[in-house]
Amino acid sequence: MPKHQINPEKWIDRYSDYLFNFTIARISDREIAKDLVQDTFFAALKSKKNFKGEASERTWLISILKRKIIDHYRKINSKKGQAEVRMTYNSTETEDGDWLEERIADPFDKTAEDTLENNELGEAIYSCLEKLPEKQALIFKMKTIEGLETEVICNELNITASNLWVIIHRARTAMAQCMEKTWFN
């Protein structure tokens, strides 16, 4: 039985300020932040049947919002890679033409080498995670990989926020040292 229920009628009152502040800290454009929060509410409404109740309503909305923010940056960055090329051609001796082509780096154009490197990196990260003490590894995964909020982790593991940050710091330090040895050498 699900622990948490959703109540879309209360989302704006309960979460709009929190979601906006979360977004504005990452986007720095009020209008885009408002749009992303609105998109989050619409996406949540569309997919409310997928809410399993394993996380709180706010955590679920934040996870949707995070994807919206990532999509926003992907869209911006894909436009940065565009270059315009003009080419003049002659289709016949008397007729000149002008072609305009956009050349865009294809983000899905991965080589086998890229895929192999990503797989090796993933294996190195999980190998280093296995070397951490159990609690450090769990908290590192929750905070860094799953992106859970500090409050959620603290409530779930019954620890204080300062304790969480000490554990995160130790885990990150250990991970950096391990990755230095296994991946970068």
N, C-alpha and C. Protein backbone atom coordinates (compact mmCIF):
# COMPACT_ATOMS: atom_id res chain seq x y z
N MET A 1 0.84 -1.18 0.00
CA MET A 1 0.00 0.00 0.00
C MET A 1 0.89 1.24 0.00
N PRO A 2 0.61 2.22 -0.85
CA PRO A 2 1.46 3.41 -0.92
C PRO A 2 1.42 4.21 0.37
N LYS A 3 2.58 4.75 0.73
CA LYS A 3 2.69 5.56 1.94
C LYS A 3 2.17 6.97 1.71
N HIS A 4 2.37 7.49 0.51
CA HIS A 4 2.04 8.87 0.21
C HIS A 4 0.93 8.94 -0.85
N GLN A 5 0.10 9.94 -0.73
CA GLN A 5 -0.96 10.19 -1.70
C GLN A 5 -0.68 11.52 -2.39
N ILE A 6 -1.28 11.72 -3.57
CA ILE A 6 -1.13 13.02 -4.23
C ILE A 6 -2.47 13.74 -4.24
N ASN A 7 -2.38 15.06 -4.20
CA ASN A 7 -3.56 15.89 -4.18
C ASN A 7 -3.29 17.09 -5.10
N PRO A 8 -3.52 16.94 -6.40
CA PRO A 8 -3.21 18.00 -7.36
C PRO A 8 -3.89 19.34 -7.08
N GLU A 9 -5.03 19.30 -6.42
CA GLU A 9 -5.75 20.54 -6.13
C GLU A 9 -4.96 21.44 -5.19
N LYS A 10 -4.05 20.89 -4.43
CA LYS A 10 -3.29 21.66 -3.44
C LYS A 10 -1.85 21.96 -3.88
N TRP A 11 -1.44 21.47 -5.05
CA TRP A 11 -0.05 21.63 -5.49
C TRP A 11 0.40 23.08 -5.53
N ILE A 12 -0.41 23.94 -6.11
CA ILE A 12 0.01 25.34 -6.27
C ILE A 12 0.21 25.98 -4.90
N ASP A 13 -0.74 25.78 -3.99
CA ASP A 13 -0.61 26.36 -2.65
C ASP A 13 0.57 25.78 -1.89
N ARG A 14 0.76 24.48 -1.99
CA ARG A 14 1.79 23.82 -1.20
C ARG A 14 3.19 23.93 -1.79
N TYR A 15 3.31 23.85 -3.12
CA TYR A 15 4.63 23.63 -3.70
C TYR A 15 5.12 24.68 -4.70
N SER A 16 4.26 25.56 -5.17
CA SER A 16 4.69 26.48 -6.24
C SER A 16 5.86 27.36 -5.81
N ASP A 17 5.83 27.91 -4.60
CA ASP A 17 6.95 28.74 -4.14
C ASP A 17 8.23 27.93 -4.02
N TYR A 18 8.12 26.75 -3.44
CA TYR A 18 9.30 25.90 -3.28
C TYR A 18 9.89 25.52 -4.65
N LEU A 19 9.04 25.09 -5.56
CA LEU A 19 9.51 24.70 -6.89
C LEU A 19 10.11 25.89 -7.63
N PHE A 20 9.48 27.06 -7.50
CA PHE A 20 10.01 28.26 -8.16
C PHE A 20 11.39 28.59 -7.60
N ASN A 21 11.54 28.60 -6.27
CA ASN A 21 12.84 28.90 -5.66
C ASN A 21 13.90 27.88 -6.06
N PHE A 22 13.50 26.62 -6.12
CA PHE A 22 14.41 25.56 -6.56
C PHE A 22 14.88 25.85 -7.98
N THR A 23 13.95 26.25 -8.84
CA THR A 23 14.26 26.49 -10.25
C THR A 23 15.08 27.76 -10.44
N ILE A 24 14.70 28.83 -9.78
CA ILE A 24 15.39 30.11 -9.98
C ILE A 24 16.85 30.02 -9.52
N ALA A 25 17.12 29.15 -8.57
CA ALA A 25 18.50 28.95 -8.13
C ALA A 25 19.34 28.27 -9.21
N ARG A 26 18.69 27.61 -10.15
CA ARG A 26 19.40 26.87 -11.19
C ARG A 26 19.30 27.52 -12.57
N ILE A 27 18.29 28.35 -12.78
CA ILE A 27 18.05 28.95 -14.09
C ILE A 27 18.40 30.43 -14.13
N SER A 28 18.10 31.19 -13.12
CA SER A 28 18.36 32.63 -13.02
C SER A 28 17.56 33.47 -14.00
N ASP A 29 16.47 32.98 -14.50
CA ASP A 29 15.58 33.74 -15.36
C ASP A 29 14.16 33.47 -14.86
N ARG A 30 13.53 34.52 -14.32
CA ARG A 30 12.24 34.36 -13.67
C ARG A 30 11.17 33.78 -14.60
N GLU A 31 11.11 34.27 -15.83
CA GLU A 31 10.08 33.81 -16.77
C GLU A 31 10.27 32.34 -17.13
N ILE A 32 11.51 31.97 -17.40
CA ILE A 32 11.78 30.56 -17.72
C ILE A 32 11.49 29.69 -16.51
N ALA A 33 11.86 30.18 -15.32
CA ALA A 33 11.59 29.42 -14.09
C ALA A 33 10.09 29.20 -13.91
N LYS A 34 9.30 30.25 -14.13
CA LYS A 34 7.84 30.11 -14.03
C LYS A 34 7.31 29.09 -15.04
N ASP A 35 7.83 29.17 -16.27
CA ASP A 35 7.40 28.23 -17.30
C ASP A 35 7.75 26.79 -16.93
N LEU A 36 8.94 26.58 -16.38
CA LEU A 36 9.35 25.23 -16.02
C LEU A 36 8.51 24.67 -14.87
N VAL A 37 8.16 25.52 -13.92
CA VAL A 37 7.29 25.07 -12.83
C VAL A 37 5.91 24.72 -13.38
N GLN A 38 5.40 25.55 -14.26
CA GLN A 38 4.11 25.27 -14.89
C GLN A 38 4.17 23.97 -15.68
N ASP A 39 5.23 23.79 -16.46
CA ASP A 39 5.41 22.54 -17.22
C ASP A 39 5.47 21.33 -16.29
N THR A 40 6.08 21.52 -15.13
CA THR A 40 6.18 20.44 -14.15
C THR A 40 4.79 20.04 -13.66
N PHE A 41 3.98 21.02 -13.32
CA PHE A 41 2.62 20.71 -12.86
C PHE A 41 1.82 20.00 -13.96
N PHE A 42 1.95 20.45 -15.21
CA PHE A 42 1.23 19.79 -16.30
C PHE A 42 1.72 18.35 -16.49
N ALA A 43 3.03 18.17 -16.48
CA ALA A 43 3.57 16.82 -16.64
C ALA A 43 3.13 15.91 -15.50
N ALA A 44 3.11 16.46 -14.29
CA ALA A 44 2.68 15.67 -13.13
C ALA A 44 1.20 15.28 -13.26
N LEU A 45 0.39 16.21 -13.72
CA LEU A 45 -1.03 15.87 -13.92
C LEU A 45 -1.19 14.76 -14.94
N LYS A 46 -0.42 14.86 -16.03
CA LYS A 46 -0.51 13.83 -17.07
C LYS A 46 -0.06 12.47 -16.57
N SER A 47 0.91 12.46 -15.67
CA SER A 47 1.47 11.18 -15.24
C SER A 47 1.11 10.82 -13.80
N LYS A 48 0.07 11.43 -13.26
CA LYS A 48 -0.27 11.15 -11.86
C LYS A 48 -0.62 9.68 -11.62
N LYS A 49 -1.06 9.01 -12.65
CA LYS A 49 -1.37 7.58 -12.49
C LYS A 49 -0.09 6.76 -12.24
N ASN A 50 1.07 7.34 -12.59
CA ASN A 50 2.35 6.66 -12.38
C ASN A 50 2.92 6.88 -10.98
N PHE A 51 2.30 7.76 -10.19
CA PHE A 51 2.76 8.03 -8.83
C PHE A 51 2.53 6.79 -7.98
N LYS A 52 3.63 6.26 -7.44
CA LYS A 52 3.53 5.01 -6.69
C LYS A 52 3.39 5.21 -5.19
N GLY A 53 3.60 6.44 -4.72
CA GLY A 53 3.47 6.70 -3.30
C GLY A 53 4.70 6.35 -2.49
N GLU A 54 5.80 5.98 -3.17
CA GLU A 54 7.02 5.63 -2.46
C GLU A 54 7.76 6.86 -1.96
N ALA A 55 7.58 7.98 -2.64
CA ALA A 55 8.20 9.24 -2.24
C ALA A 55 7.08 10.23 -1.92
N SER A 56 7.46 11.31 -1.25
CA SER A 56 6.45 12.32 -0.96
C SER A 56 6.04 13.01 -2.25
N GLU A 57 4.93 13.67 -2.19
CA GLU A 57 4.42 14.42 -3.34
C GLU A 57 5.46 15.45 -3.80
N ARG A 58 6.05 16.17 -2.85
CA ARG A 58 7.04 17.20 -3.18
C ARG A 58 8.27 16.59 -3.83
N THR A 59 8.76 15.49 -3.32
CA THR A 59 9.92 14.82 -3.91
C THR A 59 9.63 14.38 -5.33
N TRP A 60 8.44 13.85 -5.56
CA TRP A 60 8.03 13.42 -6.89
C TRP A 60 7.98 14.61 -7.85
N LEU A 61 7.41 15.72 -7.40
CA LEU A 61 7.36 16.93 -8.24
C LEU A 61 8.76 17.46 -8.53
N ILE A 62 9.63 17.43 -7.54
CA ILE A 62 11.02 17.90 -7.74
C ILE A 62 11.72 17.02 -8.77
N SER A 63 11.49 15.72 -8.73
CA SER A 63 12.15 14.84 -9.71
C SER A 63 11.67 15.17 -11.13
N ILE A 64 10.40 15.49 -11.28
CA ILE A 64 9.90 15.91 -12.59
C ILE A 64 10.52 17.25 -12.99
N LEU A 65 10.58 18.17 -12.05
CA LEU A 65 11.16 19.49 -12.31
C LEU A 65 12.63 19.38 -12.70
N LYS A 66 13.38 18.52 -12.04
CA LYS A 66 14.79 18.33 -12.39
C LYS A 66 14.95 17.91 -13.85
N ARG A 67 14.08 17.02 -14.30
CA ARG A 67 14.13 16.60 -15.71
C ARG A 67 13.79 17.75 -16.63
N LYS A 68 12.86 18.60 -16.23
CA LYS A 68 12.50 19.78 -17.03
C LYS A 68 13.69 20.74 -17.13
N ILE A 69 14.40 20.93 -16.04
CA ILE A 69 15.57 21.80 -16.02
C ILE A 69 16.67 21.23 -16.90
N ILE A 70 16.90 19.94 -16.81
CA ILE A 70 17.92 19.29 -17.65
C ILE A 70 17.54 19.44 -19.12
N ASP A 71 16.27 19.21 -19.44
CA ASP A 71 15.82 19.37 -20.83
C ASP A 71 16.03 20.80 -21.31
N HIS A 72 15.79 21.77 -20.44
CA HIS A 72 15.98 23.18 -20.79
C HIS A 72 17.44 23.42 -21.17
N TYR A 73 18.37 22.93 -20.35
CA TYR A 73 19.79 23.13 -20.64
C TYR A 73 20.24 22.36 -21.88
N ARG A 74 19.68 21.18 -22.08
CA ARG A 74 20.02 20.42 -23.30
C ARG A 74 19.61 21.21 -24.53
N LYS A 75 18.42 21.80 -24.47
CA LYS A 75 17.91 22.58 -25.59
C LYS A 75 18.83 23.77 -25.87
N ILE A 76 19.23 24.47 -24.82
CA ILE A 76 20.12 25.62 -24.98
C ILE A 76 21.46 25.18 -25.56
N ASN A 77 22.01 24.12 -25.01
CA ASN A 77 23.34 23.67 -25.45
C ASN A 77 23.32 23.09 -26.86
N SER A 78 22.20 22.51 -27.28
CA SER A 78 22.16 21.99 -28.64
C SER A 78 22.17 23.13 -29.65
N LYS A 79 21.63 24.28 -29.29
CA LYS A 79 21.64 25.44 -30.18
C LYS A 79 23.03 26.04 -30.28
N LYS A 80 23.84 25.90 -29.22
CA LYS A 80 25.19 26.44 -29.24
C LYS A 80 26.07 25.72 -30.25
N GLY A 81 25.77 24.46 -30.53
CA GLY A 81 26.60 23.67 -31.43
C GLY A 81 26.26 23.86 -32.89
N GLN A 82 25.34 24.75 -33.21
CA GLN A 82 24.93 24.93 -34.59
C GLN A 82 25.87 25.89 -35.30
N ALA A 83 26.18 25.57 -36.53
CA ALA A 83 26.98 26.47 -37.36
C ALA A 83 26.27 26.60 -38.70
N GLU A 84 26.32 27.77 -39.25
CA GLU A 84 25.64 28.03 -40.51
C GLU A 84 26.65 27.99 -41.64
N VAL A 85 26.32 27.29 -42.71
CA VAL A 85 27.21 27.19 -43.85
C VAL A 85 26.44 27.59 -45.10
N ARG A 86 26.96 28.54 -45.84
CA ARG A 86 26.35 28.93 -47.11
C ARG A 86 27.19 28.37 -48.23
N MET A 87 26.51 27.82 -49.20
CA MET A 87 27.21 27.26 -50.36
C MET A 87 26.54 27.80 -51.61
N THR A 88 27.35 28.24 -52.54
CA THR A 88 26.82 28.69 -53.82
C THR A 88 27.04 27.57 -54.82
N TYR A 89 26.05 27.40 -55.68
CA TYR A 89 26.17 26.34 -56.67
C TYR A 89 25.59 26.83 -57.99
N ASN A 90 25.94 26.15 -59.02
CA ASN A 90 25.39 26.41 -60.35
C ASN A 90 24.71 25.14 -60.81
N SER A 91 23.39 25.24 -60.98
CA SER A 91 22.69 24.06 -61.48
C SER A 91 22.75 24.03 -63.00
N THR A 92 22.81 25.17 -63.59
CA THR A 92 23.04 25.27 -65.04
C THR A 92 24.01 26.42 -65.24
N GLU A 93 24.46 26.62 -66.40
CA GLU A 93 25.44 27.66 -66.64
C GLU A 93 24.87 29.05 -66.41
N THR A 94 23.56 29.23 -66.54
CA THR A 94 22.97 30.55 -66.41
C THR A 94 22.30 30.80 -65.07
N GLU A 95 22.14 29.77 -64.26
CA GLU A 95 21.37 29.90 -63.03
C GLU A 95 22.27 29.70 -61.81
N ASP A 96 22.30 30.70 -60.93
CA ASP A 96 23.04 30.57 -59.68
C ASP A 96 22.05 30.23 -58.57
N GLY A 97 22.51 29.50 -57.58
CA GLY A 97 21.66 29.17 -56.45
C GLY A 97 22.40 29.42 -55.15
N ASP A 98 21.67 29.35 -54.05
CA ASP A 98 22.27 29.55 -52.74
C ASP A 98 21.68 28.53 -51.80
N TRP A 99 22.52 27.71 -51.19
CA TRP A 99 22.06 26.70 -50.26
C TRP A 99 22.42 27.13 -48.85
N LEU A 100 21.54 26.89 -47.93
CA LEU A 100 21.82 27.15 -46.53
C LEU A 100 21.67 25.83 -45.79
N GLU A 101 22.74 25.44 -45.15
CA GLU A 101 22.69 24.20 -44.39
C GLU A 101 23.03 24.48 -42.95
N GLU A 102 22.34 23.83 -42.05
CA GLU A 102 22.71 23.90 -40.64
C GLU A 102 23.42 22.61 -40.31
N ARG A 103 24.55 22.76 -39.70
CA ARG A 103 25.30 21.59 -39.27
C ARG A 103 25.24 21.56 -37.75
N ILE A 104 24.64 20.52 -37.24
CA ILE A 104 24.44 20.40 -35.80
C ILE A 104 25.09 19.11 -35.35
N ALA A 105 25.87 19.21 -34.28
CA ALA A 105 26.46 18.01 -33.71
C ALA A 105 25.33 17.12 -33.21
N ASP A 106 25.36 15.88 -33.61
CA ASP A 106 24.33 14.94 -33.21
C ASP A 106 24.68 14.35 -31.85
N PRO A 107 23.88 14.65 -30.80
CA PRO A 107 24.21 14.14 -29.48
C PRO A 107 24.09 12.62 -29.38
N PHE A 108 23.41 11.99 -30.34
CA PHE A 108 23.24 10.55 -30.32
C PHE A 108 24.28 9.83 -31.16
N ASP A 109 25.18 10.60 -31.77
CA ASP A 109 26.22 10.04 -32.61
C ASP A 109 27.39 9.62 -31.74
N LYS A 110 27.24 8.51 -31.07
CA LYS A 110 28.27 8.01 -30.17
C LYS A 110 29.07 6.94 -30.89
N THR A 111 30.36 7.01 -30.70
CA THR A 111 31.21 5.97 -31.29
C THR A 111 31.28 4.81 -30.32
N ALA A 112 31.76 3.70 -30.81
CA ALA A 112 31.94 2.54 -29.94
C ALA A 112 32.93 2.87 -28.83
N GLU A 113 33.91 3.71 -29.14
CA GLU A 113 34.90 4.11 -28.14
C GLU A 113 34.24 4.91 -27.02
N ASP A 114 33.32 5.84 -27.37
CA ASP A 114 32.60 6.62 -26.37
C ASP A 114 31.80 5.70 -25.46
N THR A 115 31.10 4.75 -26.04
CA THR A 115 30.26 3.83 -25.28
C THR A 115 31.11 2.99 -24.35
N LEU A 116 32.23 2.49 -24.86
CA LEU A 116 33.13 1.68 -24.04
C LEU A 116 33.67 2.51 -22.88
N GLU A 117 34.07 3.75 -23.17
CA GLU A 117 34.61 4.62 -22.13
C GLU A 117 33.55 4.91 -21.07
N ASN A 118 32.31 5.16 -21.46
CA ASN A 118 31.24 5.41 -20.50
C ASN A 118 30.98 4.18 -19.64
N ASN A 119 31.00 3.00 -20.25
CA ASN A 119 30.79 1.77 -19.50
C ASN A 119 31.91 1.57 -18.48
N GLU A 120 33.16 1.82 -18.91
CA GLU A 120 34.29 1.66 -18.02
C GLU A 120 34.22 2.65 -16.86
N LEU A 121 33.81 3.88 -17.15
CA LEU A 121 33.67 4.89 -16.11
C LEU A 121 32.60 4.47 -15.10
N GLY A 122 31.47 3.99 -15.61
CA GLY A 122 30.41 3.52 -14.72
C GLY A 122 30.88 2.38 -13.83
N GLU A 123 31.63 1.45 -14.41
CA GLU A 123 32.15 0.34 -13.62
C GLU A 123 33.13 0.84 -12.55
N ALA A 124 33.96 1.82 -12.91
CA ALA A 124 34.92 2.37 -11.94
C ALA A 124 34.18 3.06 -10.80
N ILE A 125 33.13 3.81 -11.11
CA ILE A 125 32.37 4.50 -10.07
C ILE A 125 31.73 3.49 -9.13
N TYR A 126 31.08 2.46 -9.67
CA TYR A 126 30.44 1.48 -8.81
C TYR A 126 31.45 0.63 -8.05
N SER A 127 32.61 0.41 -8.63
CA SER A 127 33.67 -0.29 -7.92
C SER A 127 34.13 0.52 -6.71
N CYS A 128 34.28 1.82 -6.90
CA CYS A 128 34.68 2.71 -5.80
C CYS A 128 33.57 2.80 -4.74
N LEU A 129 32.32 2.81 -5.19
CA LEU A 129 31.19 2.85 -4.24
C LEU A 129 31.20 1.63 -3.33
N GLU A 130 31.54 0.47 -3.89
CA GLU A 130 31.56 -0.77 -3.10
C GLU A 130 32.63 -0.73 -2.01
N LYS A 131 33.65 0.11 -2.19
CA LYS A 131 34.73 0.21 -1.21
C LYS A 131 34.38 1.13 -0.04
N LEU A 132 33.33 1.93 -0.19
CA LEU A 132 32.92 2.84 0.88
C LEU A 132 32.22 2.06 1.99
N PRO A 133 32.26 2.58 3.23
CA PRO A 133 31.43 1.98 4.27
C PRO A 133 29.96 2.04 3.84
N GLU A 134 29.18 1.08 4.31
CA GLU A 134 27.81 0.91 3.84
C GLU A 134 26.97 2.18 3.94
N LYS A 135 27.03 2.86 5.09
CA LYS A 135 26.22 4.06 5.29
C LYS A 135 26.68 5.19 4.36
N GLN A 136 27.99 5.34 4.19
CA GLN A 136 28.51 6.36 3.27
C GLN A 136 28.05 6.09 1.85
N ALA A 137 28.13 4.85 1.43
CA ALA A 137 27.73 4.49 0.06
C ALA A 137 26.24 4.77 -0.14
N LEU A 138 25.43 4.39 0.83
CA LEU A 138 23.99 4.60 0.73
C LEU A 138 23.67 6.09 0.61
N ILE A 139 24.25 6.89 1.48
CA ILE A 139 23.97 8.33 1.47
C ILE A 139 24.52 8.98 0.20
N PHE A 140 25.69 8.55 -0.25
CA PHE A 140 26.26 9.08 -1.49
C PHE A 140 25.33 8.80 -2.67
N LYS A 141 24.82 7.58 -2.75
CA LYS A 141 23.89 7.22 -3.83
C LYS A 141 22.62 8.05 -3.77
N MET A 142 22.07 8.17 -2.57
CA MET A 142 20.80 8.90 -2.40
C MET A 142 20.96 10.37 -2.80
N LYS A 143 22.04 10.99 -2.34
CA LYS A 143 22.21 12.42 -2.56
C LYS A 143 22.77 12.72 -3.95
N THR A 144 23.83 12.03 -4.34
CA THR A 144 24.55 12.38 -5.55
C THR A 144 23.98 11.71 -6.79
N ILE A 145 23.62 10.46 -6.70
CA ILE A 145 23.14 9.73 -7.88
C ILE A 145 21.64 9.89 -8.06
N GLU A 146 20.88 9.68 -6.98
CA GLU A 146 19.42 9.77 -7.08
C GLU A 146 18.92 11.21 -6.95
N GLY A 147 19.75 12.09 -6.38
CA GLY A 147 19.39 13.50 -6.27
C GLY A 147 18.30 13.80 -5.26
N LEU A 148 18.21 12.98 -4.23
CA LEU A 148 17.18 13.21 -3.22
C LEU A 148 17.52 14.44 -2.38
N GLU A 149 16.50 15.08 -1.87
CA GLU A 149 16.67 16.26 -1.04
C GLU A 149 17.24 15.87 0.33
N THR A 150 17.99 16.79 0.91
CA THR A 150 18.60 16.58 2.23
C THR A 150 17.55 16.16 3.26
N GLU A 151 16.43 16.87 3.28
CA GLU A 151 15.37 16.60 4.25
C GLU A 151 14.84 15.17 4.11
N VAL A 152 14.68 14.72 2.88
CA VAL A 152 14.16 13.37 2.64
C VAL A 152 15.13 12.32 3.17
N ILE A 153 16.42 12.51 2.86
CA ILE A 153 17.44 11.56 3.31
C ILE A 153 17.52 11.54 4.84
N CYS A 154 17.54 12.73 5.43
CA CYS A 154 17.62 12.83 6.89
C CYS A 154 16.44 12.14 7.57
N ASN A 155 15.25 12.36 7.04
CA ASN A 155 14.06 11.72 7.62
C ASN A 155 14.11 10.21 7.45
N GLU A 156 14.52 9.76 6.29
CA GLU A 156 14.54 8.33 6.01
C GLU A 156 15.58 7.60 6.86
N LEU A 157 16.74 8.24 7.07
CA LEU A 157 17.83 7.57 7.79
C LEU A 157 17.94 8.04 9.25
N ASN A 158 17.03 8.94 9.64
CA ASN A 158 17.01 9.46 11.01
C ASN A 158 18.37 10.04 11.43
N ILE A 159 18.89 10.95 10.58
CA ILE A 159 20.14 11.65 10.89
C ILE A 159 19.91 13.16 10.74
N THR A 160 20.82 13.94 11.29
CA THR A 160 20.72 15.39 11.16
C THR A 160 21.33 15.84 9.85
N ALA A 161 20.99 17.06 9.44
CA ALA A 161 21.53 17.60 8.19
C ALA A 161 23.04 17.76 8.29
N SER A 162 23.55 18.20 9.43
CA SER A 162 25.00 18.36 9.57
C SER A 162 25.70 17.01 9.50
N ASN A 163 25.10 15.99 10.08
CA ASN A 163 25.67 14.64 10.00
C ASN A 163 25.68 14.17 8.54
N LEU A 164 24.59 14.44 7.82
CA LEU A 164 24.52 14.07 6.41
C LEU A 164 25.67 14.71 5.63
N TRP A 165 25.91 16.00 5.85
CA TRP A 165 26.94 16.69 5.07
C TRP A 165 28.35 16.23 5.42
N VAL A 166 28.55 15.83 6.67
CA VAL A 166 29.85 15.26 7.04
C VAL A 166 30.05 13.93 6.31
N ILE A 167 29.02 13.10 6.31
CA ILE A 167 29.11 11.80 5.63
C ILE A 167 29.30 12.00 4.12
N ILE A 168 28.55 12.93 3.53
CA ILE A 168 28.69 13.21 2.09
C ILE A 168 30.12 13.67 1.79
N HIS A 169 30.65 14.56 2.62
CA HIS A 169 32.01 15.06 2.40
C HIS A 169 33.01 13.91 2.43
N ARG A 170 32.89 13.06 3.43
CA ARG A 170 33.81 11.91 3.54
C ARG A 170 33.67 10.96 2.36
N ALA A 171 32.42 10.72 1.96
CA ALA A 171 32.19 9.82 0.82
C ALA A 171 32.77 10.40 -0.46
N ARG A 172 32.55 11.69 -0.69
CA ARG A 172 33.07 12.32 -1.90
C ARG A 172 34.59 12.33 -1.92
N THR A 173 35.19 12.58 -0.77
CA THR A 173 36.65 12.55 -0.67
C THR A 173 37.18 11.16 -0.99
N ALA A 174 36.57 10.15 -0.39
CA ALA A 174 36.98 8.76 -0.65
C ALA A 174 36.76 8.38 -2.11
N MET A 175 35.63 8.80 -2.67
CA MET A 175 35.35 8.50 -4.08
C MET A 175 36.38 9.17 -4.99
N ALA A 176 36.72 10.41 -4.70
CA ALA A 176 37.69 11.13 -5.52
C ALA A 176 39.05 10.43 -5.47
N GLN A 177 39.45 10.00 -4.28
CA GLN A 177 40.74 9.31 -4.14
C GLN A 177 40.72 7.98 -4.88
N CYS A 178 39.64 7.26 -4.75
CA CYS A 178 39.51 5.97 -5.43
C CYS A 178 39.50 6.14 -6.95
N MET A 179 38.73 7.12 -7.43
CA MET A 179 38.66 7.36 -8.87
C MET A 179 40.02 7.80 -9.40
N GLU A 180 40.74 8.56 -8.62
CA GLU A 180 42.08 9.00 -9.01
C GLU A 180 42.98 7.79 -9.25
N LYS A 181 42.87 6.80 -8.37
CA LYS A 181 43.69 5.59 -8.48
C LYS A 181 43.24 4.67 -9.62
N THR A 182 41.91 4.47 -9.72
CA THR A 182 41.42 3.45 -10.66
C THR A 182 41.11 3.98 -12.05
N TRP A 183 40.63 5.21 -12.17
CA TRP A 183 40.17 5.68 -13.46
C TRP A 183 41.18 6.57 -14.16
N PHE A 184 41.80 7.46 -13.42
CA PHE A 184 42.67 8.44 -14.05
C PHE A 184 44.09 7.95 -14.26
N ASN A 185 44.42 6.78 -13.76
CA ASN A 185 45.78 6.24 -13.96
C ASN A 185 45.79 5.15 -14.99
